[in-house]
C-alpha atoms as a PDB file:
ATOM      1  CA  UNK A   1       0.075  -0.282   0.006  1.00  0.00           C
ATOM      2  CA  UNK A   2       1.425   3.454  -0.776  1.00  0.00           C
ATOM      3  CA  UNK A   3       1.946   5.751   1.830  1.00  0.00           C
ATOM      4  CA  UNK A   4      -0.172   7.731   2.692  1.00  0.00           C
ATOM      5  CA  UNK A   5      -3.124   5.940   0.791  1.00  0.00           C
ATOM      6  CA  UNK A   6      -6.564   4.896   2.510  1.00  0.00           C
ATOM      7  CA  UNK A   7      -7.227   2.186   4.073  1.00  0.00           C
ATOM      8  CA  UNK A   8     -10.791   0.122   4.800  1.00  0.00           C
ATOM      9  CA  UNK A   9     -11.470   0.038   7.806  1.00  0.00           C
ATOM     10  CA  UNK A  10     -11.958  -3.519   7.663  1.00  0.00           C
ATOM     11  CA  UNK A  11      -8.469  -4.410   6.589  1.00  0.00           C
ATOM     12  CA  UNK A  12      -6.260  -4.006   9.137  1.00  0.00           C
ATOM     13  CA  UNK A  13      -4.078  -6.394   9.966  1.00  0.00           C
ATOM     14  CA  UNK A  14      -2.035  -7.444  12.981  1.00  0.00           C
ATOM     15  CA  UNK A  15       0.808  -9.037  13.780  1.00  0.00           C
ATOM     16  CA  UNK A  16      -0.856 -11.113  16.043  1.00  0.00           C
ATOM     17  CA  UNK A  17      -3.683 -11.964  13.759  1.00  0.00           C
ATOM     18  CA  UNK A  18      -2.672 -10.970  10.028  1.00  0.00           C
ATOM     19  CA  UNK A  19      -6.264 -12.985   8.442  1.00  0.00           C
ATOM     20  CA  UNK A  20      -9.035 -11.788  10.912  1.00  0.00           C
ATOM     21  CA  UNK A  21     -11.136 -10.067   7.156  1.00  0.00           C
ATOM     22  CA  UNK A  22     -10.726 -12.833   6.166  1.00  0.00           C
ATOM     23  CA  UNK A  23     -11.738 -14.896   8.859  1.00  0.00           C
ATOM     24  CA  UNK A  24     -14.950 -12.320   9.249  1.00  0.00           C
ATOM     25  CA  UNK A  25     -16.052 -13.146   5.794  1.00  0.00           C
ATOM     26  CA  UNK A  26     -15.880 -16.283   5.772  1.00  0.00           C
ATOM     27  CA  UNK A  27     -18.150 -16.624   9.487  1.00  0.00           C
ATOM     28  CA  UNK A  28     -20.194 -14.137   7.791  1.00  0.00           C
ATOM     29  CA  UNK A  29     -21.050 -15.839   4.576  1.00  0.00           C
ATOM     30  CA  UNK A  30     -21.262 -19.058   6.477  1.00  0.00           C
ATOM     31  CA  UNK A  31     -24.030 -16.924   8.615  1.00  0.00           C
ATOM     32  CA  UNK A  32     -25.924 -17.011   5.532  1.00  0.00           C
ATOM     33  CA  UNK A  33     -26.545 -20.903   5.994  1.00  0.00           C
ATOM     34  CA  UNK A  34     -26.099 -20.901   2.009  1.00  0.00           C
ATOM     35  CA  UNK A  35     -23.465 -23.365   0.889  1.00  0.00           C
ATOM     36  CA  UNK A  36     -19.698 -21.554   0.971  1.00  0.00           C
ATOM     37  CA  UNK A  37     -16.743 -23.349  -0.911  1.00  0.00           C
ATOM     38  CA  UNK A  38     -13.507 -21.478   0.498  1.00  0.00           C
ATOM     39  CA  UNK A  39     -10.263 -22.498  -1.670  1.00  0.00           C
ATOM     40  CA  UNK A  40      -7.122 -23.255  -0.505  1.00  0.00           C
ATOM     41  CA  UNK A  41      -5.118 -21.372  -3.058  1.00  0.00           C
ATOM     42  CA  UNK A  42      -1.711 -21.768  -1.639  1.00  0.00           C
ATOM     43  CA  UNK A  43      -1.565 -23.370   2.163  1.00  0.00           C
ATOM     44  CA  UNK A  44      -4.263 -25.475   3.163  1.00  0.00           C
ATOM     45  CA  UNK A  45      -3.415 -25.261   6.337  1.00  0.00           C
ATOM     46  CA  UNK A  46      -5.318 -21.915   6.059  1.00  0.00           C
ATOM     47  CA  UNK A  47      -8.757 -24.186   6.911  1.00  0.00           C
ATOM     48  CA  UNK A  48      -7.506 -25.059  10.407  1.00  0.00           C
ATOM     49  CA  UNK A  49      -8.854 -21.265  11.187  1.00  0.00           C
ATOM     50  CA  UNK A  50     -12.133 -21.165   9.379  1.00  0.00           C
ATOM     51  CA  UNK A  51     -14.284 -23.462  11.652  1.00  0.00           C
ATOM     52  CA  UNK A  52     -17.633 -24.404  10.011  1.00  0.00           C
ATOM     53  CA  UNK A  53     -15.919 -24.540   6.679  1.00  0.00           C
ATOM     54  CA  UNK A  54     -17.357 -28.638   5.190  1.00  0.00           C
ATOM     55  CA  UNK A  55     -15.569 -27.802   1.424  1.00  0.00           C
ATOM     56  CA  UNK A  56     -12.126 -26.883   1.054  1.00  0.00           C
ATOM     57  CA  UNK A  57     -10.813 -28.084  -2.231  1.00  0.00           C
ATOM     58  CA  UNK A  58      -6.455 -27.212  -2.548  1.00  0.00           C
ATOM     59  CA  UNK A  59      -5.311 -25.959  -5.819  1.00  0.00           C
ATOM     60  CA  UNK A  60      -1.748 -25.235  -4.424  1.00  0.00           C
ATOM     61  CA  UNK A  61      -1.347 -22.206  -6.883  1.00  0.00           C
ATOM     62  CA  UNK A  62      -2.299 -19.117  -7.938  1.00  0.00           C
ATOM     63  CA  UNK A  63      -1.478 -19.863 -11.324  1.00  0.00           C
ATOM     64  CA  UNK A  64      -3.515 -19.678 -14.830  1.00  0.00           C
ATOM     65  CA  UNK A  65      -3.621 -23.347 -15.012  1.00  0.00           C
ATOM     66  CA  UNK A  66      -4.273 -23.387 -11.412  1.00  0.00           C
ATOM     67  CA  UNK A  67      -7.439 -21.512 -11.173  1.00  0.00           C
ATOM     68  CA  UNK A  68      -8.775 -22.857 -15.004  1.00  0.00           C
ATOM     69  CA  UNK A  69      -8.724 -26.537 -12.710  1.00  0.00           C
ATOM     70  CA  UNK A  70     -10.072 -24.659  -9.900  1.00  0.00           C
ATOM     71  CA  UNK A  71     -13.196 -23.012 -11.970  1.00  0.00           C
ATOM     72  CA  UNK A  72     -14.106 -26.793 -14.273  1.00  0.00           C
ATOM     73  CA  UNK A  73     -13.892 -28.740 -10.974  1.00  0.00           C
ATOM     74  CA  UNK A  74     -16.405 -25.716  -9.606  1.00  0.00           C
ATOM     75  CA  UNK A  75     -18.848 -26.695 -11.937  1.00  0.00           C
ATOM     76  CA  UNK A  76     -18.733 -29.999 -12.430  1.00  0.00           C
ATOM     77  CA  UNK A  77     -16.110 -30.563 -15.345  1.00  0.00           C
ATOM     78  CA  UNK A  78     -14.111 -32.336 -13.272  1.00  0.00           C
ATOM     79  CA  UNK A  79     -14.623 -34.752 -10.710  1.00  0.00           C
ATOM     80  CA  UNK A  80     -11.383 -33.934  -8.079  1.00  0.00           C
ATOM     81  CA  UNK A  81      -9.985 -36.839  -5.895  1.00  0.00           C
ATOM     82  CA  UNK A  82      -7.350 -37.427  -3.222  1.00  0.00           C
ATOM     83  CA  UNK A  83      -6.929 -36.311   0.362  1.00  0.00           C
ATOM     84  CA  UNK A  84      -4.109 -34.379   1.632  1.00  0.00           C
ATOM     85  CA  UNK A  85      -1.271 -36.939   2.487  1.00  0.00           C
ATOM     86  CA  UNK A  86      -0.890 -35.542   5.907  1.00  0.00           C
ATOM     87  CA  UNK A  87      -3.735 -34.476   8.913  1.00  0.00           C
ATOM     88  CA  UNK A  88      -5.147 -31.014   9.069  1.00  0.00           C
ATOM     89  CA  UNK A  89      -4.331 -29.642  12.232  1.00  0.00           C
ATOM     90  CA  UNK A  90      -6.855 -27.420  13.710  1.00  0.00           C
ATOM     91  CA  UNK A  91      -6.585 -24.608  15.892  1.00  0.00           C
ATOM     92  CA  UNK A  92      -8.198 -23.960  18.787  1.00  0.00           C
ATOM     93  CA  UNK A  93     -10.363 -27.353  19.131  1.00  0.00           C
ATOM     94  CA  UNK A  94     -11.723 -27.172  16.209  1.00  0.00           C
ATOM     95  CA  UNK A  95     -12.363 -29.551  13.696  1.00  0.00           C
ATOM     96  CA  UNK A  96     -10.131 -30.893  11.012  1.00  0.00           C
ATOM     97  CA  UNK A  97     -10.895 -30.408   7.524  1.00  0.00           C
ATOM     98  CA  UNK A  98      -9.698 -33.646   5.082  1.00  0.00           C
ATOM     99  CA  UNK A  99     -10.137 -31.324   1.618  1.00  0.00           C
ATOM    100  CA  UNK A 100      -9.828 -33.299  -1.566  1.00  0.00           C
ATOM    101  CA  UNK A 101      -6.320 -32.075  -4.003  1.00  0.00           C
ATOM    102  CA  UNK A 102      -8.055 -30.878  -7.305  1.00  0.00           C
ATOM    103  CA  UNK A 103      -4.587 -31.414 -10.109  1.00  0.00           C
ATOM    104  CA  UNK A 104      -4.572 -29.977 -13.682  1.00  0.00           C
END
């Protein structure tokens, strides 16, 4: 961010909680009662901090090929399968999420 640029009130980051804004957004979306899909674009471990999320595909990349594969999977053109080679730990006692891995 450029020096002196305006920052929206909800976009503040702190050293102790750099992803608070994302967590608030996901909580608000879950609160609507509508289905929510959270995509782990680079780090599948982020899901440990998002309680209530049950659908969480991981791309492990933000490249064009990864995003194209993600869109195709979300539209039902691909059937992602597989499980992570490790158990995703939970944060603060939240339930772990076992995510399918989509590959292009």
